[in-house]
Amino acid sequence: MAARIVSMTAGSIRVLKPNVSQEDALRAFSAVGFSALYWRIRSGPLRRIADVYVQYFLFRVKCEDVPPRLFAIDAVEGSLDLFEFPRIPDEREFLATGDRNRLKATLSADQAAGFLREKVLRVIFQQGFFKVRNTHLEISLVPFELHLPYWLGFYGRKEMVRCRVLDAVRRRMEGAKASAFFEQWLAA
């Protein structure tokens, strides 16, 4: 089977293929269980869902005594969880989609690298690399267009709507930080 080339048109972006379909997202937001029940009690019933795409910067991070790693950090404010890739994603792992519901970069690559440095040091130490003597990190931007998909579930009543976030790549619900991130974007 021939590899599908991502065909880009004006007004389209390149997005890492989601691992969660619209139907899967609807099931996740409508699920029974403590977490879903908590959201419905706190915020109201599920009203609708929407897909959204966040621009990310991809960086190669080298640290003495540790093999190089690839990390992606959101280009909006650097506050979402990092993504780590074993290699630069292949074209077959992407799709082209319209740029509707897209959060564009507001950080420069240098600003994002600063946020990344702090987060990577935390990751290195959390993974037990306390014996690393030299924590000098060499961070270099990989020139690569990267948008990552999320699903948003909107809960609420007339007076207030809350947003719950599903990471469409890692297939997991995000926490309050991600909800606040997207609610702030929606309010702007």
Protein backbone atom coordinates (compact mmCIF):
# COMPACT_ATOMS: atom_id res chain seq x y z
CA MET A 1 0.00 0.00 0.00
CA ALA A 2 1.41 3.37 -0.98
CA ALA A 3 2.02 5.93 1.75
CA ARG A 4 -0.61 8.66 1.81
CA ILE A 5 0.90 12.09 1.37
CA VAL A 6 -0.63 14.81 3.50
CA SER A 7 -2.09 17.23 0.99
CA MET A 8 -2.02 20.76 2.33
CA THR A 9 -4.30 23.44 0.93
CA ALA A 10 -4.68 27.09 1.81
CA GLY A 11 -6.39 27.29 5.20
CA SER A 12 -5.34 23.81 6.29
CA ILE A 13 -2.99 22.61 8.99
CA ARG A 14 -1.03 19.42 9.56
CA VAL A 15 -2.34 17.53 12.61
CA LEU A 16 -1.05 14.38 14.27
CA LYS A 17 -3.74 11.76 13.70
CA PRO A 18 -6.00 11.45 16.72
CA ASN A 19 -6.43 8.12 18.50
CA VAL A 20 -9.94 9.13 19.60
CA SER A 21 -12.82 9.41 17.15
CA GLN A 22 -15.77 11.75 17.65
CA GLU A 23 -17.87 8.78 18.80
CA ASP A 24 -15.17 7.69 21.28
CA ALA A 25 -14.96 11.23 22.64
CA LEU A 26 -18.73 11.44 23.05
CA ARG A 27 -18.69 8.12 24.94
CA ALA A 28 -15.83 9.34 27.16
CA PHE A 29 -17.60 12.59 28.02
CA SER A 30 -20.90 10.74 28.62
CA ALA A 31 -19.38 7.88 30.60
CA VAL A 32 -20.73 6.66 33.89
CA GLY A 33 -18.41 6.69 36.85
CA PHE A 34 -17.28 8.95 39.61
CA SER A 35 -15.33 11.44 37.47
CA ALA A 36 -18.10 11.88 34.88
CA LEU A 37 -20.76 12.11 37.58
CA TYR A 38 -18.69 14.75 39.39
CA TRP A 39 -18.50 16.85 36.20
CA ARG A 40 -22.24 16.62 35.57
CA ILE A 41 -23.10 17.54 39.17
CA ARG A 42 -20.57 20.36 39.31
CA SER A 43 -21.02 21.79 35.82
CA GLY A 44 -24.35 20.56 34.44
CA PRO A 45 -25.19 18.21 31.60
CA LEU A 46 -23.00 17.60 28.54
CA ARG A 47 -24.17 20.04 25.86
CA ARG A 48 -21.83 19.36 22.95
CA ILE A 49 -18.31 18.38 21.98
CA ALA A 50 -15.81 19.94 19.59
CA ASP A 51 -12.41 19.12 18.20
CA VAL A 52 -9.63 21.64 18.66
CA TYR A 53 -6.00 21.77 17.50
CA VAL A 54 -3.08 23.26 19.41
CA GLN A 55 0.16 24.32 17.74
CA TYR A 56 3.30 22.82 19.30
CA PHE A 57 7.04 23.38 18.93
CA LEU A 58 9.22 20.29 18.60
CA PHE A 59 12.65 20.38 20.28
CA ARG A 60 15.59 18.01 20.45
CA VAL A 61 16.98 17.97 23.98
CA LYS A 62 20.47 16.72 24.74
CA CYS A 63 21.85 16.29 28.21
CA GLU A 64 25.25 14.89 29.02
CA ASP A 65 24.93 11.33 30.39
CA VAL A 66 21.39 10.96 28.90
CA PRO A 67 20.47 10.02 25.30
CA PRO A 68 18.88 12.84 23.22
CA ARG A 69 15.09 13.06 23.41
CA LEU A 70 12.37 14.80 21.37
CA PHE A 71 9.85 16.90 23.28
CA ALA A 72 6.94 18.99 22.06
CA ILE A 73 5.62 21.94 24.04
CA ASP A 74 2.50 23.94 23.27
CA ALA A 75 3.29 27.15 21.42
CA VAL A 76 0.42 29.05 23.02
CA GLU A 77 1.61 29.51 26.60
CA GLY A 78 3.82 26.49 27.35
CA SER A 79 1.51 25.27 30.10
CA LEU A 80 0.05 22.04 28.70
CA ASP A 81 1.71 18.69 29.38
CA LEU A 82 4.76 17.89 27.28
CA PHE A 83 4.64 15.30 24.54
CA GLU A 84 7.66 13.07 24.06
CA PHE A 85 8.33 11.38 20.74
CA PRO A 86 10.70 8.45 20.15
CA ARG A 87 11.46 9.93 16.70
CA ILE A 88 10.26 12.71 14.44
CA PRO A 89 6.76 11.67 13.34
CA ASP A 90 6.44 10.35 9.79
CA GLU A 91 4.15 12.02 7.22
CA ARG A 92 1.83 8.98 7.39
CA GLU A 93 1.07 9.90 11.01
CA PHE A 94 -0.53 13.21 9.99
CA LEU A 95 -3.67 14.42 8.34
CA ALA A 96 -4.55 17.74 6.80
CA THR A 97 -7.55 19.50 8.27
CA GLY A 98 -9.08 22.95 8.16
CA ASP A 99 -7.68 25.51 10.54
CA ARG A 100 -11.03 26.04 12.28
CA ASN A 101 -10.71 25.62 16.07
CA ARG A 102 -6.96 26.11 15.94
CA LEU A 103 -4.94 27.73 18.70
CA LYS A 104 -2.06 29.59 17.11
CA ALA A 105 1.37 30.19 18.57
CA THR A 106 1.71 33.21 20.83
CA LEU A 107 5.17 32.24 22.14
CA SER A 108 8.40 32.60 20.24
CA ALA A 109 10.58 29.50 19.89
CA ASP A 110 13.01 31.04 22.43
CA GLN A 111 10.25 31.60 24.99
CA ALA A 112 8.99 28.04 24.49
CA ALA A 113 12.55 26.70 24.91
CA GLY A 114 12.76 28.47 28.28
CA PHE A 115 9.54 26.83 29.50
CA LEU A 116 10.70 23.51 28.08
CA ARG A 117 14.00 23.67 29.96
CA GLU A 118 12.19 23.88 33.31
CA LYS A 119 9.78 21.06 32.45
CA VAL A 120 12.47 18.75 31.06
CA LEU A 121 14.62 19.15 34.18
CA ARG A 122 11.58 18.09 36.23
CA VAL A 123 11.03 15.07 33.95
CA ILE A 124 14.68 14.03 34.18
CA PHE A 125 14.73 14.18 37.97
CA GLN A 126 11.31 12.52 38.36
CA GLN A 127 12.55 9.58 36.29
CA GLY A 128 15.37 8.95 38.73
CA PHE A 129 18.28 10.59 36.99
CA PHE A 130 19.54 12.09 40.24
CA LYS A 131 23.01 10.82 39.45
CA VAL A 132 23.27 13.09 36.41
CA ARG A 133 26.20 15.29 37.27
CA ASN A 134 25.82 17.80 34.49
CA THR A 135 22.30 19.13 34.04
CA HIS A 136 23.33 21.40 31.19
CA LEU A 137 20.66 20.96 28.54
CA GLU A 138 21.22 21.62 24.87
CA ILE A 139 17.83 22.48 23.39
CA SER A 140 17.43 22.90 19.64
CA LEU A 141 14.28 23.62 17.67
CA VAL A 142 13.31 21.02 15.08
CA PRO A 143 11.77 22.96 12.17
CA PHE A 144 8.57 20.96 11.96
CA GLU A 145 4.90 21.97 11.73
CA LEU A 146 3.02 20.22 14.50
CA HIS A 147 -0.56 20.54 15.74
CA LEU A 148 -2.00 18.13 18.29
CA PRO A 149 -5.70 17.29 18.57
CA TYR A 150 -7.92 17.57 21.63
CA TRP A 151 -11.63 17.03 22.21
CA LEU A 152 -13.54 19.51 24.34
CA GLY A 153 -16.73 18.56 26.15
CA PHE A 154 -18.97 21.49 27.06
CA TYR A 155 -21.05 21.10 30.19
CA GLY A 156 -23.38 23.58 31.73
CA ARG A 157 -26.52 25.48 32.07
CA LYS A 158 -27.52 28.83 30.59
CA GLU A 159 -25.60 30.92 33.09
CA MET A 160 -22.26 29.11 32.87
CA VAL A 161 -20.50 26.63 30.60
CA ARG A 162 -17.48 24.58 31.68
CA CYS A 163 -15.06 22.73 29.46
CA ARG A 164 -13.59 19.25 29.99
CA VAL A 165 -10.58 18.21 27.88
CA LEU A 166 -9.72 14.87 26.29
CA ASP A 167 -6.23 14.46 24.84
CA ALA A 168 -7.00 12.84 21.48
CA VAL A 169 -3.48 11.39 21.06
CA ARG A 170 -2.88 9.90 24.51
CA ARG A 171 -6.58 9.01 25.03
CA ARG A 172 -6.79 10.57 28.50
CA MET A 173 -8.82 13.20 30.25
CA GLU A 174 -6.82 16.25 31.19
CA GLY A 175 -7.05 18.11 34.47
CA ALA A 176 -8.08 21.55 35.66
CA LYS A 177 -5.02 23.24 34.11
CA ALA A 178 -6.02 22.16 30.59
CA SER A 179 -9.67 23.04 31.20
CA ALA A 180 -8.67 26.55 32.30
CA PHE A 181 -6.32 26.85 29.27
CA PHE A 182 -9.13 26.13 26.80
CA GLU A 183 -11.78 28.12 28.70
CA GLN A 184 -9.48 31.15 28.57
CA TRP A 185 -9.05 30.68 24.81
CA LEU A 186 -12.80 30.38 24.31
CA ALA A 187 -13.44 33.54 26.36
CA ALA A 188 -10.94 35.60 24.34
